[in-house]
Amino acid sequence: MSNDITDILAIVTRERRMAVSEREWQHRLRGYGYGIRDTDEGRVVTSLIKGGPLCTIPTHFAA
């Protein structure tokens, strides 16, 4: 895993631990320019600026 993906996943998981709800978590991530999209392959972190996928959230991270 590249350092960029590791950094993104660290932010995503940290913000999820701090948020009290799914909605708050997604709102907090928007502040970093990230979004979450549900796909057939799982949850994907997307860039709100470029609009493309950045990385898949491993299932053990989202727990």
PDB file of N, CA and C in Angstrom:
ATOM      1  N   MET A   1       0.849  -1.174   0.000  1.00  0.00           N
ATOM      2  CA  MET A   1       0.000   0.000   0.000  1.00  0.00           C
ATOM      3  C   MET A   1       0.896   1.239   0.000  1.00  0.00           C
ATOM      4  N   SER A   2       0.570   2.187  -0.852  1.00  0.00           N
ATOM      5  CA  SER A   2       1.401   3.382  -0.921  1.00  0.00           C
ATOM      6  C   SER A   2       1.160   4.267   0.301  1.00  0.00           C
ATOM      7  N   ASN A   3       2.077   5.185   0.520  1.00  0.00           N
ATOM      8  CA  ASN A   3       1.953   6.097   1.663  1.00  0.00           C
ATOM      9  C   ASN A   3       0.720   6.975   1.559  1.00  0.00           C
ATOM     10  N   ASP A   4       0.358   7.405   0.331  1.00  0.00           N
ATOM     11  CA  ASP A   4      -0.833   8.236   0.158  1.00  0.00           C
ATOM     12  C   ASP A   4      -2.083   7.481   0.599  1.00  0.00           C
ATOM     13  N   ILE A   5      -2.208   6.244   0.182  1.00  0.00           N
ATOM     14  CA  ILE A   5      -3.373   5.436   0.556  1.00  0.00           C
ATOM     15  C   ILE A   5      -3.375   5.187   2.056  1.00  0.00           C
ATOM     16  N   THR A   6      -2.225   4.915   2.620  1.00  0.00           N
ATOM     17  CA  THR A   6      -2.119   4.708   4.062  1.00  0.00           C
ATOM     18  C   THR A   6      -2.561   5.959   4.809  1.00  0.00           C
ATOM     19  N   ASP A   7      -2.141   7.131   4.337  1.00  0.00           N
ATOM     20  CA  ASP A   7      -2.532   8.397   4.964  1.00  0.00           C
ATOM     21  C   ASP A   7      -4.035   8.631   4.856  1.00  0.00           C
ATOM     22  N   ILE A   8      -4.598   8.347   3.682  1.00  0.00           N
ATOM     23  CA  ILE A   8      -6.042   8.518   3.485  1.00  0.00           C
ATOM     24  C   ILE A   8      -6.811   7.598   4.421  1.00  0.00           C
ATOM     25  N   LEU A   9      -6.410   6.338   4.484  1.00  0.00           N
ATOM     26  CA  LEU A   9      -7.104   5.385   5.347  1.00  0.00           C
ATOM     27  C   LEU A   9      -6.956   5.754   6.823  1.00  0.00           C
ATOM     28  N   ALA A  10      -5.833   6.340   7.194  1.00  0.00           N
ATOM     29  CA  ALA A  10      -5.651   6.782   8.579  1.00  0.00           C
ATOM     30  C   ALA A  10      -6.642   7.901   8.912  1.00  0.00           C
ATOM     31  N   ILE A  11      -6.823   8.835   7.990  1.00  0.00           N
ATOM     32  CA  ILE A  11      -7.793   9.920   8.203  1.00  0.00           C
ATOM     33  C   ILE A  11      -9.203   9.356   8.263  1.00  0.00           C
ATOM     34  N   VAL A  12      -9.528   8.479   7.338  1.00  0.00           N
ATOM     35  CA  VAL A  12     -10.876   7.902   7.274  1.00  0.00           C
ATOM     36  C   VAL A  12     -11.209   7.157   8.566  1.00  0.00           C
ATOM     37  N   THR A  13     -10.287   6.340   9.042  1.00  0.00           N
ATOM     38  CA  THR A  13     -10.572   5.570  10.257  1.00  0.00           C
ATOM     39  C   THR A  13     -10.577   6.457  11.502  1.00  0.00           C
ATOM     40  N   ARG A  14      -9.688   7.431  11.561  1.00  0.00           N
ATOM     41  CA  ARG A  14      -9.676   8.349  12.709  1.00  0.00           C
ATOM     42  C   ARG A  14     -10.984   9.124  12.795  1.00  0.00           C
ATOM     43  N   GLU A  15     -11.433   9.634  11.661  1.00  0.00           N
ATOM     44  CA  GLU A  15     -12.668  10.403  11.638  1.00  0.00           C
ATOM     45  C   GLU A  15     -13.874   9.520  11.941  1.00  0.00           C
ATOM     46  N   ARG A  16     -13.826   8.262  11.546  1.00  0.00           N
ATOM     47  CA  ARG A  16     -14.940   7.357  11.854  1.00  0.00           C
ATOM     48  C   ARG A  16     -15.023   7.106  13.357  1.00  0.00           C
ATOM     49  N   ARG A  17     -13.875   6.956  14.005  1.00  0.00           N
ATOM     50  CA  ARG A  17     -13.862   6.757  15.464  1.00  0.00           C
ATOM     51  C   ARG A  17     -14.411   7.978  16.195  1.00  0.00           C
ATOM     52  N   MET A  18     -14.169   9.160  15.667  1.00  0.00           N
ATOM     53  CA  MET A  18     -14.589  10.393  16.330  1.00  0.00           C
ATOM     54  C   MET A  18     -16.059  10.738  16.062  1.00  0.00           C
ATOM     55  N   ALA A  19     -16.607  10.253  14.961  1.00  0.00           N
ATOM     56  CA  ALA A  19     -17.982  10.585  14.586  1.00  0.00           C
ATOM     57  C   ALA A  19     -18.969   9.706  15.345  1.00  0.00           C
ATOM     58  N   VAL A  20     -20.115  10.284  15.674  1.00  0.00           N
ATOM     59  CA  VAL A  20     -21.145   9.529  16.398  1.00  0.00           C
ATOM     60  C   VAL A  20     -22.137   8.858  15.451  1.00  0.00           C
ATOM     61  N   SER A  21     -22.088   9.220  14.161  1.00  0.00           N
ATOM     62  CA  SER A  21     -23.004   8.609  13.206  1.00  0.00           C
ATOM     63  C   SER A  21     -22.335   8.524  11.833  1.00  0.00           C
ATOM     64  N   GLU A  22     -22.926   7.729  10.982  1.00  0.00           N
ATOM     65  CA  GLU A  22     -22.462   7.604   9.595  1.00  0.00           C
ATOM     66  C   GLU A  22     -22.531   8.961   8.885  1.00  0.00           C
ATOM     67  N   ARG A  23     -23.600   9.680   9.116  1.00  0.00           N
ATOM     68  CA  ARG A  23     -23.790  10.979   8.478  1.00  0.00           C
ATOM     69  C   ARG A  23     -22.714  11.977   8.917  1.00  0.00           C
ATOM     70  N   GLU A  24     -22.438  12.001  10.209  1.00  0.00           N
ATOM     71  CA  GLU A  24     -21.393  12.910  10.698  1.00  0.00           C
ATOM     72  C   GLU A  24     -20.043  12.532  10.120  1.00  0.00           C
ATOM     73  N   TRP A  25     -19.760  11.247  10.031  1.00  0.00           N
ATOM     74  CA  TRP A  25     -18.492  10.761   9.477  1.00  0.00           C
ATOM     75  C   TRP A  25     -18.318  11.268   8.048  1.00  0.00           C
ATOM     76  N   GLN A  26     -19.346  11.110   7.244  1.00  0.00           N
ATOM     77  CA  GLN A  26     -19.243  11.558   5.857  1.00  0.00           C
ATOM     78  C   GLN A  26     -19.111  13.080   5.772  1.00  0.00           C
ATOM     79  N   HIS A  27     -19.774  13.785   6.665  1.00  0.00           N
ATOM     80  CA  HIS A  27     -19.645  15.245   6.711  1.00  0.00           C
ATOM     81  C   HIS A  27     -18.210  15.649   7.085  1.00  0.00           C
ATOM     82  N   ARG A  28     -17.637  14.974   8.056  1.00  0.00           N
ATOM     83  CA  ARG A  28     -16.266  15.258   8.475  1.00  0.00           C
ATOM     84  C   ARG A  28     -15.281  14.997   7.335  1.00  0.00           C
ATOM     85  N   LEU A  29     -15.502  13.923   6.587  1.00  0.00           N
ATOM     86  CA  LEU A  29     -14.604  13.600   5.472  1.00  0.00           C
ATOM     87  C   LEU A  29     -14.693  14.632   4.356  1.00  0.00           C
ATOM     88  N   ARG A  30     -15.871  15.206   4.154  1.00  0.00           N
ATOM     89  CA  ARG A  30     -16.002  16.250   3.132  1.00  0.00           C
ATOM     90  C   ARG A  30     -15.085  17.432   3.433  1.00  0.00           C
ATOM     91  N   GLY A  31     -14.836  17.690   4.696  1.00  0.00           N
ATOM     92  CA  GLY A  31     -13.916  18.756   5.081  1.00  0.00           C
ATOM     93  C   GLY A  31     -12.493  18.514   4.608  1.00  0.00           C
ATOM     94  N   TYR A  32     -12.149  17.255   4.391  1.00  0.00           N
ATOM     95  CA  TYR A  32     -10.832  16.886   3.856  1.00  0.00           C
ATOM     96  C   TYR A  32     -10.853  16.745   2.335  1.00  0.00           C
ATOM     97  N   GLY A  33     -12.038  16.881   1.731  1.00  0.00           N
ATOM     98  CA  GLY A  33     -12.158  16.725   0.284  1.00  0.00           C
ATOM     99  C   GLY A  33     -12.401  15.287  -0.133  1.00  0.00           C
ATOM    100  N   TYR A  34     -12.857  14.457   0.803  1.00  0.00           N
ATOM    101  CA  TYR A  34     -13.114  13.043   0.516  1.00  0.00           C
ATOM    102  C   TYR A  34     -14.596  12.733   0.627  1.00  0.00           C
ATOM    103  N   GLY A  35     -14.997  11.712  -0.096  1.00  0.00           N
ATOM    104  CA  GLY A  35     -16.349  11.187  -0.002  1.00  0.00           C
ATOM    105  C   GLY A  35     -16.283   9.677   0.085  1.00  0.00           C
ATOM    106  N   ILE A  36     -17.400   9.066   0.427  1.00  0.00           N
ATOM    107  CA  ILE A  36     -17.495   7.608   0.492  1.00  0.00           C
ATOM    108  C   ILE A  36     -18.570   7.174  -0.487  1.00  0.00           C
ATOM    109  N   ARG A  37     -18.247   6.196  -1.312  1.00  0.00           N
ATOM    110  CA  ARG A  37     -19.212   5.657  -2.259  1.00  0.00           C
ATOM    111  C   ARG A  37     -19.320   4.155  -2.021  1.00  0.00           C
ATOM    112  N   ASP A  38     -20.537   3.656  -1.972  1.00  0.00           N
ATOM    113  CA  ASP A  38     -20.766   2.215  -1.852  1.00  0.00           C
ATOM    114  C   ASP A  38     -20.807   1.615  -3.252  1.00  0.00           C
ATOM    115  N   THR A  39     -20.007   0.577  -3.470  1.00  0.00           N
ATOM    116  CA  THR A  39     -19.959  -0.109  -4.757  1.00  0.00           C
ATOM    117  C   THR A  39     -20.161  -1.597  -4.533  1.00  0.00           C
ATOM    118  N   ASP A  40     -20.240  -2.342  -5.612  1.00  0.00           N
ATOM    119  CA  ASP A  40     -20.361  -3.800  -5.509  1.00  0.00           C
ATOM    120  C   ASP A  40     -19.124  -4.416  -4.858  1.00  0.00           C
ATOM    121  N   GLU A  41     -17.980  -3.765  -4.998  1.00  0.00           N
ATOM    122  CA  GLU A  41     -16.728  -4.269  -4.435  1.00  0.00           C
ATOM    123  C   GLU A  41     -16.523  -3.832  -2.987  1.00  0.00           C
ATOM    124  N   GLY A  42     -17.354  -2.949  -2.491  1.00  0.00           N
ATOM    125  CA  GLY A  42     -17.222  -2.440  -1.129  1.00  0.00           C
ATOM    126  C   GLY A  42     -17.260  -0.924  -1.125  1.00  0.00           C
ATOM    127  N   ARG A  43     -16.838  -0.350  -0.017  1.00  0.00           N
ATOM    128  CA  ARG A  43     -16.825   1.114   0.119  1.00  0.00           C
ATOM    129  C   ARG A  43     -15.533   1.672  -0.457  1.00  0.00           C
ATOM    130  N   VAL A  44     -15.676   2.789  -1.160  1.00  0.00           N
ATOM    131  CA  VAL A  44     -14.541   3.410  -1.834  1.00  0.00           C
ATOM    132  C   VAL A  44     -14.443   4.862  -1.385  1.00  0.00           C
ATOM    133  N   VAL A  45     -13.230   5.301  -1.087  1.00  0.00           N
ATOM    134  CA  VAL A  45     -12.973   6.708  -0.789  1.00  0.00           C
ATOM    135  C   VAL A  45     -12.783   7.417  -2.125  1.00  0.00           C
ATOM    136  N   THR A  46     -13.504   8.512  -2.304  1.00  0.00           N
ATOM    137  CA  THR A  46     -13.409   9.274  -3.544  1.00  0.00           C
ATOM    138  C   THR A  46     -12.907  10.688  -3.264  1.00  0.00           C
ATOM    139  N   SER A  47     -12.377  11.300  -4.301  1.00  0.00           N
ATOM    140  CA  SER A  47     -11.951  12.693  -4.223  1.00  0.00           C
ATOM    141  C   SER A  47     -13.121  13.569  -4.648  1.00  0.00           C
ATOM    142  N   LEU A  48     -13.516  14.511  -3.799  1.00  0.00           N
ATOM    143  CA  LEU A  48     -14.589  15.422  -4.169  1.00  0.00           C
ATOM    144  C   LEU A  48     -14.120  16.437  -5.204  1.00  0.00           C
ATOM    145  N   ILE A  49     -12.831  16.716  -5.242  1.00  0.00           N
ATOM    146  CA  ILE A  49     -12.283  17.698  -6.172  1.00  0.00           C
ATOM    147  C   ILE A  49     -12.161  17.106  -7.574  1.00  0.00           C
ATOM    148  N   LYS A  50     -11.556  15.919  -7.669  1.00  0.00           N
ATOM    149  CA  LYS A  50     -11.345  15.284  -8.969  1.00  0.00           C
ATOM    150  C   LYS A  50     -12.481  14.348  -9.348  1.00  0.00           C
ATOM    151  N   GLY A  51     -13.272  13.942  -8.364  1.00  0.00           N
ATOM    152  CA  GLY A  51     -14.420  13.102  -8.637  1.00  0.00           C
ATOM    153  C   GLY A  51     -14.128  11.636  -8.871  1.00  0.00           C
ATOM    154  N   GLY A  52     -12.914  11.225  -8.689  1.00  0.00           N
ATOM    155  CA  GLY A  52     -12.562   9.834  -8.948  1.00  0.00           C
ATOM    156  C   GLY A  52     -12.283   9.051  -7.688  1.00  0.00           C
ATOM    157  N   PRO A  53     -12.255   7.727  -7.825  1.00  0.00           N
ATOM    158  CA  PRO A  53     -11.955   6.874  -6.671  1.00  0.00           C
ATOM    159  C   PRO A  53     -10.481   6.981  -6.276  1.00  0.00           C
ATOM    160  N   LEU A  54     -10.223   6.917  -4.971  1.00  0.00           N
ATOM    161  CA  LEU A  54      -8.849   6.968  -4.470  1.00  0.00           C
ATOM    162  C   LEU A  54      -8.385   5.613  -3.961  1.00  0.00           C
ATOM    163  N   CYS A  55      -9.235   4.952  -3.172  1.00  0.00           N
ATOM    164  CA  CYS A  55      -8.886   3.644  -2.636  1.00  0.00           C
ATOM    165  C   CYS A  55     -10.129   2.976  -2.063  1.00  0.00           C
ATOM    166  N   THR A  56     -10.043   1.669  -1.930  1.00  0.00           N
ATOM    167  CA  THR A  56     -11.109   0.890  -1.309  1.00  0.00           C
ATOM    168  C   THR A  56     -10.844   0.822   0.183  1.00  0.00           C
ATOM    169  N   ILE A  57     -11.896   0.918   0.976  1.00  0.00           N
ATOM    170  CA  ILE A  57     -11.756   0.793   2.424  1.00  0.00           C
ATOM    171  C   ILE A  57     -11.818  -0.697   2.767  1.00  0.00           C
ATOM    172  N   PRO A  58     -10.732  -1.262   3.296  1.00  0.00           N
ATOM    173  CA  PRO A  58     -10.782  -2.666   3.695  1.00  0.00           C
ATOM    174  C   PRO A  58     -11.881  -2.879   4.737  1.00  0.00           C
ATOM    175  N   THR A  59     -12.531  -4.031   4.686  1.00  0.00           N
ATOM    176  CA  THR A  59     -13.659  -4.284   5.580  1.00  0.00           C
ATOM    177  C   THR A  59     -13.270  -4.193   7.039  1.00  0.00           C
ATOM    178  N   HIS A  60     -12.052  -4.581   7.408  1.00  0.00           N
ATOM    179  CA  HIS A  60     -11.645  -4.506   8.813  1.00  0.00           C
ATOM    180  C   HIS A  60     -11.406  -3.065   9.265  1.00  0.00           C
ATOM    181  N   PHE A  61     -11.209  -2.123   8.325  1.00  0.00           N
ATOM    182  CA  PHE A  61     -11.071  -0.714   8.676  1.00  0.00           C
ATOM    183  C   PHE A  61     -12.424  -0.094   8.996  1.00  0.00           C
ATOM    184  N   ALA A  62     -13.456  -0.520   8.310  1.00  0.00           N
ATOM    185  CA  ALA A  62     -14.769   0.099   8.436  1.00  0.00           C
ATOM    186  C   ALA A  62     -15.540  -0.388   9.660  1.00  0.00           C
ATOM    187  N   ALA A  63     -15.009  -1.342  10.376  1.00  0.00           N
ATOM    188  CA  ALA A  63     -15.734  -1.896  11.520  1.00  0.00           C
ATOM    189  C   ALA A  63     -15.753  -0.938  12.678  1.00  0.00           C
TER     190      ALA A  63
END
